[in-house]
Amino acid sequence: MNCNNVFTERQLTLAKYAKVLSHPIRLFILNELLKTGTCSKYSSDIHNKLSIARSTFCQHLKVLRESDLVIEEMDFPRIKYCINRNKWNETKELFSHIISR
């Protein structure tokens, strides 16, 4: 039996965001980006605050980008990162809907 037929699109989207938000490094990255409100953070600005390998950091940033919670903006030769406000607001709404029950 395929369980996916019983889940709503909202539930599947919420589960996707929950998985993305399930790691403290990704939560730290999001928090750092939320502090500014603009695309002004370079990955090195955030990575330098963590004691982890650059490759590990990049993998977590990739997960955030693939979820569309984080977007990038070219500032040649570097890339700035910021929160995708539309996706962030959707995530907050989905979580608040389930938590407020």
Protein backbone atom coordinates (compact mmCIF):
# COMPACT_ATOMS: atom_id res chain seq x y z
CA MET A 1 0.00 0.00 0.00
CA ASN A 2 1.32 3.43 -0.93
CA CYS A 3 0.97 5.74 2.08
CA ASN A 4 1.64 8.86 -0.01
CA ASN A 5 -1.98 8.82 -1.20
CA VAL A 6 -3.27 9.69 2.28
CA PHE A 7 -1.05 12.73 2.87
CA THR A 8 -2.05 16.21 1.86
CA GLU A 9 0.27 18.49 -0.09
CA ARG A 10 0.56 20.65 3.04
CA GLN A 11 1.65 17.66 5.13
CA LEU A 12 4.26 16.63 2.58
CA THR A 13 5.60 20.20 2.36
CA LEU A 14 5.71 20.52 6.14
CA ALA A 15 7.60 17.22 6.39
CA LYS A 16 10.12 18.50 3.81
CA TYR A 17 10.74 21.67 5.82
CA ALA A 18 10.86 19.74 9.09
CA LYS A 19 13.62 17.56 7.67
CA VAL A 20 15.56 20.61 6.48
CA LEU A 21 15.21 22.27 9.90
CA SER A 22 16.16 19.11 11.79
CA HIS A 23 19.88 19.85 12.05
CA PRO A 24 21.41 22.43 14.41
CA ILE A 25 23.96 23.61 11.84
CA ARG A 26 21.18 24.46 9.40
CA LEU A 27 19.26 26.21 12.18
CA PHE A 28 22.40 28.22 12.98
CA ILE A 29 22.82 29.22 9.33
CA LEU A 30 19.18 30.28 9.09
CA ASN A 31 19.45 32.27 12.30
CA GLU A 32 22.52 34.10 11.00
CA LEU A 33 20.74 34.95 7.76
CA LEU A 34 17.58 36.05 9.56
CA LYS A 35 19.60 38.59 11.59
CA THR A 36 20.27 40.77 8.55
CA GLY A 37 17.10 40.65 6.49
CA THR A 38 19.03 41.39 3.29
CA CYS A 39 21.35 39.43 1.03
CA SER A 40 24.49 40.55 2.77
CA LYS A 41 26.04 37.40 4.22
CA TYR A 42 28.85 35.53 2.55
CA SER A 43 29.22 31.87 3.42
CA SER A 44 32.61 32.61 4.99
CA ASP A 45 30.94 35.09 7.38
CA ILE A 46 28.82 32.27 8.76
CA HIS A 47 31.32 29.44 8.43
CA ASN A 48 33.92 31.35 10.45
CA LYS A 49 31.56 31.24 13.46
CA LEU A 50 31.42 27.44 13.38
CA SER A 51 34.07 24.87 14.20
CA ILE A 52 33.29 22.49 11.37
CA ALA A 53 34.92 21.50 8.11
CA ARG A 54 34.17 23.73 5.16
CA SER A 55 32.82 20.75 3.22
CA THR A 56 30.35 19.95 6.02
CA PHE A 57 29.21 23.56 6.11
CA CYS A 58 28.77 23.63 2.33
CA GLN A 59 26.69 20.45 2.43
CA HIS A 60 24.30 22.01 4.98
CA LEU A 61 24.10 25.21 2.95
CA LYS A 62 23.30 23.10 -0.11
CA VAL A 63 20.36 21.46 1.71
CA LEU A 64 19.02 24.90 2.61
CA ARG A 65 19.40 26.12 -0.98
CA GLU A 66 17.74 23.02 -2.42
CA SER A 67 14.76 23.57 -0.11
CA ASP A 68 14.53 27.16 -1.42
CA LEU A 69 14.70 28.51 2.14
CA VAL A 70 18.02 30.14 1.26
CA ILE A 71 18.78 31.95 -1.96
CA GLU A 72 22.01 33.24 -3.37
CA GLU A 73 22.93 36.48 -5.05
CA MET A 74 26.08 36.97 -7.11
CA ASP A 75 28.50 39.59 -5.84
CA PHE A 76 31.32 38.71 -8.20
CA PRO A 77 33.57 36.96 -7.42
CA ARG A 78 31.67 35.88 -4.31
CA ILE A 79 28.11 34.83 -3.51
CA LYS A 80 25.87 36.42 -0.89
CA TYR A 81 23.16 34.40 0.85
CA CYS A 82 19.82 35.35 2.32
CA ILE A 83 16.50 33.95 3.43
CA ASN A 84 13.87 33.40 0.78
CA ARG A 85 11.12 35.31 2.60
CA ASN A 86 8.29 33.70 0.65
CA LYS A 87 9.42 30.18 1.55
CA TRP A 88 10.26 31.21 5.11
CA ASN A 89 6.78 32.65 5.61
CA GLU A 90 5.25 29.50 4.13
CA THR A 91 7.31 27.37 6.53
CA LYS A 92 6.23 29.45 9.53
CA GLU A 93 2.59 29.25 8.48
CA LEU A 94 2.73 25.48 8.02
CA PHE A 95 4.35 24.96 11.42
CA SER A 96 2.03 27.38 13.22
CA HIS A 97 -0.99 25.64 11.70
CA ILE A 98 0.03 22.25 13.08
CA ILE A 99 1.31 23.57 16.44
CA SER A 100 -1.79 25.65 17.18
CA ARG A 101 -4.02 22.58 17.23
